[in-house]
Structures are given as C-alpha cells and as structure tokens.
C-alpha atoms as a PDB file:
ATOM      1  CA  UNK A   1     222.631 -27.153  30.274  1.00  0.00           C
ATOM      2  CA  UNK A   2     223.799 -25.359  33.714  1.00  0.00           C
ATOM      3  CA  UNK A   3     221.622 -24.889  36.634  1.00  0.00           C
ATOM      4  CA  UNK A   4     220.177 -21.068  36.114  1.00  0.00           C
ATOM      5  CA  UNK A   5     218.489 -20.394  39.490  1.00  0.00           C
ATOM      6  CA  UNK A   6     216.250 -17.703  39.259  1.00  0.00           C
ATOM      7  CA  UNK A   7     216.194 -15.167  41.774  1.00  0.00           C
ATOM      8  CA  UNK A   8     213.052 -14.914  41.492  1.00  0.00           C
ATOM      9  CA  UNK A   9     209.614 -17.242  42.473  1.00  0.00           C
ATOM     10  CA  UNK A  10     207.548 -18.695  40.011  1.00  0.00           C
ATOM     11  CA  UNK A  11     205.013 -16.271  40.527  1.00  0.00           C
ATOM     12  CA  UNK A  12     206.954 -12.964  40.324  1.00  0.00           C
ATOM     13  CA  UNK A  13     208.385 -14.421  36.931  1.00  0.00           C
ATOM     14  CA  UNK A  14     204.921 -14.975  35.486  1.00  0.00           C
ATOM     15  CA  UNK A  15     203.438 -11.807  36.630  1.00  0.00           C
ATOM     16  CA  UNK A  16     206.227  -9.871  35.176  1.00  0.00           C
ATOM     17  CA  UNK A  17     205.211 -11.868  31.733  1.00  0.00           C
ATOM     18  CA  UNK A  18     202.105 -10.692  32.074  1.00  0.00           C
ATOM     19  CA  UNK A  19     202.429  -7.021  33.673  1.00  0.00           C
ATOM     20  CA  UNK A  20     206.130  -5.904  32.444  1.00  0.00           C
ATOM     21  CA  UNK A  21     207.471  -5.078  29.256  1.00  0.00           C
ATOM     22  CA  UNK A  22     208.889  -5.705  26.754  1.00  0.00           C
ATOM     23  CA  UNK A  23     212.722  -5.050  28.069  1.00  0.00           C
ATOM     24  CA  UNK A  24     212.490  -7.771  30.586  1.00  0.00           C
ATOM     25  CA  UNK A  25     209.973 -10.493  29.242  1.00  0.00           C
ATOM     26  CA  UNK A  26     211.604 -12.450  25.967  1.00  0.00           C
ATOM     27  CA  UNK A  27     208.162 -13.909  25.578  1.00  0.00           C
ATOM     28  CA  UNK A  28     206.585 -10.113  26.044  1.00  0.00           C
ATOM     29  CA  UNK A  29     209.155  -9.407  23.190  1.00  0.00           C
ATOM     30  CA  UNK A  30     208.186 -12.151  20.886  1.00  0.00           C
ATOM     31  CA  UNK A  31     204.713 -11.555  21.009  1.00  0.00           C
ATOM     32  CA  UNK A  32     204.998  -8.041  20.504  1.00  0.00           C
ATOM     33  CA  UNK A  33     206.805  -8.612  16.979  1.00  0.00           C
ATOM     34  CA  UNK A  34     204.819 -11.168  16.424  1.00  0.00           C
ATOM     35  CA  UNK A  35     201.521  -9.121  16.579  1.00  0.00           C
ATOM     36  CA  UNK A  36     203.625  -6.264  14.861  1.00  0.00           C
ATOM     37  CA  UNK A  37     203.772  -3.553  17.210  1.00  0.00           C
ATOM     38  CA  UNK A  38     206.123  -0.964  17.461  1.00  0.00           C
ATOM     39  CA  UNK A  39     209.350  -0.964  19.400  1.00  0.00           C
ATOM     40  CA  UNK A  40     210.986   1.564  20.641  1.00  0.00           C
ATOM     41  CA  UNK A  41     214.363   2.242  22.377  1.00  0.00           C
ATOM     42  CA  UNK A  42     212.974   4.305  25.934  1.00  0.00           C
ATOM     43  CA  UNK A  43     214.848   5.766  28.742  1.00  0.00           C
ATOM     44  CA  UNK A  44     218.455   6.171  28.243  1.00  0.00           C
ATOM     45  CA  UNK A  45     217.930   4.403  24.589  1.00  0.00           C
ATOM     46  CA  UNK A  46     219.348   1.138  26.117  1.00  0.00           C
ATOM     47  CA  UNK A  47     215.660  -0.257  26.734  1.00  0.00           C
ATOM     48  CA  UNK A  48     213.468  -1.433  24.140  1.00  0.00           C
ATOM     49  CA  UNK A  49     209.870  -1.528  24.871  1.00  0.00           C
ATOM     50  CA  UNK A  50     206.492  -1.350  22.909  1.00  0.00           C
ATOM     51  CA  UNK A  51     205.650   1.857  25.034  1.00  0.00           C
ATOM     52  CA  UNK A  52     202.879   2.597  27.073  1.00  0.00           C
ATOM     53  CA  UNK A  53     199.879   1.758  24.590  1.00  0.00           C
ATOM     54  CA  UNK A  54     201.671  -0.763  22.807  1.00  0.00           C
ATOM     55  CA  UNK A  55     202.186  -2.803  26.454  1.00  0.00           C
ATOM     56  CA  UNK A  56     198.880  -2.240  27.246  1.00  0.00           C
ATOM     57  CA  UNK A  57     197.966  -3.716  24.181  1.00  0.00           C
ATOM     58  CA  UNK A  58     199.796  -6.684  24.810  1.00  0.00           C
ATOM     59  CA  UNK A  59     199.172  -6.930  28.123  1.00  0.00           C
ATOM     60  CA  UNK A  60     195.076  -6.999  27.204  1.00  0.00           C
ATOM     61  CA  UNK A  61     195.853  -9.702  24.536  1.00  0.00           C
ATOM     62  CA  UNK A  62     198.131 -11.687  26.484  1.00  0.00           C
ATOM     63  CA  UNK A  63     194.750 -11.914  29.307  1.00  0.00           C
ATOM     64  CA  UNK A  64     192.627 -12.525  26.523  1.00  0.00           C
ATOM     65  CA  UNK A  65     194.163 -15.392  24.800  1.00  0.00           C
ATOM     66  CA  UNK A  66     197.768 -16.289  26.611  1.00  0.00           C
ATOM     67  CA  UNK A  67     197.445 -18.924  29.609  1.00  0.00           C
ATOM     68  CA  UNK A  68     200.520 -20.503  32.309  1.00  0.00           C
ATOM     69  CA  UNK A  69     200.098 -24.137  33.993  1.00  0.00           C
ATOM     70  CA  UNK A  70     202.963 -25.509  35.545  1.00  0.00           C
ATOM     71  CA  UNK A  71     204.644 -28.711  37.558  1.00  0.00           C
ATOM     72  CA  UNK A  72     206.837 -29.307  40.198  1.00  0.00           C
ATOM     73  CA  UNK A  73     210.186 -30.362  39.324  1.00  0.00           C
ATOM     74  CA  UNK A  74     213.142 -31.128  41.717  1.00  0.00           C
ATOM     75  CA  UNK A  75     215.199 -29.872  38.244  1.00  0.00           C
ATOM     76  CA  UNK A  76     213.371 -27.857  35.971  1.00  0.00           C
ATOM     77  CA  UNK A  77     216.700 -27.272  33.535  1.00  0.00           C
ATOM     78  CA  UNK A  78     216.584 -31.081  33.025  1.00  0.00           C
ATOM     79  CA  UNK A  79     212.750 -31.172  32.193  1.00  0.00           C
ATOM     80  CA  UNK A  80     212.895 -27.987  29.943  1.00  0.00           C
ATOM     81  CA  UNK A  81     215.929 -29.419  27.499  1.00  0.00           C
ATOM     82  CA  UNK A  82     213.903 -32.822  27.278  1.00  0.00           C
ATOM     83  CA  UNK A  83     210.539 -30.693  25.821  1.00  0.00           C
ATOM     84  CA  UNK A  84     212.383 -28.283  23.914  1.00  0.00           C
ATOM     85  CA  UNK A  85     214.150 -31.259  21.927  1.00  0.00           C
ATOM     86  CA  UNK A  86     210.795 -33.296  22.045  1.00  0.00           C
ATOM     87  CA  UNK A  87     207.296 -30.841  21.569  1.00  0.00           C
ATOM     88  CA  UNK A  88     207.084 -28.572  18.611  1.00  0.00           C
ATOM     89  CA  UNK A  89     207.952 -25.450  20.400  1.00  0.00           C
ATOM     90  CA  UNK A  90     208.110 -22.354  17.835  1.00  0.00           C
ATOM     91  CA  UNK A  91     208.358 -19.482  20.649  1.00  0.00           C
ATOM     92  CA  UNK A  92     211.071 -20.980  22.160  1.00  0.00           C
ATOM     93  CA  UNK A  93     214.741 -19.536  21.041  1.00  0.00           C
ATOM     94  CA  UNK A  94     216.962 -20.854  23.493  1.00  0.00           C
ATOM     95  CA  UNK A  95     217.966 -24.771  22.485  1.00  0.00           C
ATOM     96  CA  UNK A  96     215.724 -24.698  19.941  1.00  0.00           C
ATOM     97  CA  UNK A  97     217.744 -24.148  16.632  1.00  0.00           C
ATOM     98  CA  UNK A  98     215.711 -27.103  15.115  1.00  0.00           C
ATOM     99  CA  UNK A  99     212.315 -25.698  15.448  1.00  0.00           C
ATOM    100  CA  UNK A 100     211.411 -24.659  11.616  1.00  0.00           C
ATOM    101  CA  UNK A 101     210.266 -20.847  13.044  1.00  0.00           C
ATOM    102  CA  UNK A 102     213.575 -20.657  14.822  1.00  0.00           C
ATOM    103  CA  UNK A 103     215.446 -18.583  12.107  1.00  0.00           C
ATOM    104  CA  UNK A 104     212.026 -16.590  11.165  1.00  0.00           C
ATOM    105  CA  UNK A 105     211.403 -15.404  14.746  1.00  0.00           C
ATOM    106  CA  UNK A 106     215.292 -14.272  15.464  1.00  0.00           C
ATOM    107  CA  UNK A 107     215.152 -12.282  12.208  1.00  0.00           C
ATOM    108  CA  UNK A 108     211.605 -11.006  12.773  1.00  0.00           C
ATOM    109  CA  UNK A 109     213.377  -9.700  16.377  1.00  0.00           C
ATOM    110  CA  UNK A 110     216.241  -8.319  14.776  1.00  0.00           C
ATOM    111  CA  UNK A 111     214.057  -6.801  12.207  1.00  0.00           C
ATOM    112  CA  UNK A 112     212.165  -4.755  15.369  1.00  0.00           C
ATOM    113  CA  UNK A 113     215.604  -3.528  17.276  1.00  0.00           C
ATOM    114  CA  UNK A 114     216.830  -2.475  13.819  1.00  0.00           C
ATOM    115  CA  UNK A 115     213.558  -0.387  13.064  1.00  0.00           C
ATOM    116  CA  UNK A 116     213.699   1.186  16.791  1.00  0.00           C
ATOM    117  CA  UNK A 117     217.270   2.137  16.752  1.00  0.00           C
ATOM    118  CA  UNK A 118     216.388   4.284  14.229  1.00  0.00           C
ATOM    119  CA  UNK A 119     213.272   6.247  15.667  1.00  0.00           C
ATOM    120  CA  UNK A 120     213.685   9.045  18.395  1.00  0.00           C
ATOM    121  CA  UNK A 121     214.137   7.660  21.680  1.00  0.00           C
ATOM    122  CA  UNK A 122     210.651   7.395  23.784  1.00  0.00           C
ATOM    123  CA  UNK A 123     210.334   8.859  27.383  1.00  0.00           C
END
C-alpha cells in the first residue's frame, strides 16, 4: 500500500466524521445506509448526503454510539493493512474483500446511490 499522507490532522478528520456529511465521510455514508437513512443528491446534484434532518439524526446516533481511539504510529498505513487482514472489521471496504459482509455492504451503498439519483435534487 502506498503512503497516502492526509492534508488534515487526526482531530480534523475525526471531527468531520462526527459533524460532517456523507459526501465527505465514507464512515457517515456507510452508517447512514445501514441505519436506513435516505440518501439524496444535493447542490449541483453531484454530491450526496442524507439531508439536514438525516445528517442530524446520524450525528446524534454517532454521539450516542460511536467511539474513537488511536495510537501513534510512524507508518500507520502498515498497521492499517495488518489490522484489516487480521480483525473482523465489517464496515471497512478498502482492503477487506475477504470479509463476509463486504459484498452486502457494497451492494447496500450502491443501491442507496441508485435511489438517490432517481429522486429530485435537494437544496
């Protein structure tokens, strides 16, 4: 795996997962799909989110149920690959085709995008 250096620090990345929207967070997108929130095209129609109400519902669900922890690592991409290959991490799609939930989650996300494309664009 190549070194994919982020331009954001960990605090900004985690904050966006908790307070951002599905267009900018694959975690939010995945959780919203699993929770059955309605994905909608917004703005110009290229971005997709769960709308104001859905994103607020998701943020509250995450505040109540999601926790974050981390360890410092010089080469986190190496540890990430090891953890994904050794642990059962069903919400992770990247490098995780071996997980039994992978194909179901990938299909669920694709169906949400297909439905959103058929709905009117939200403001």
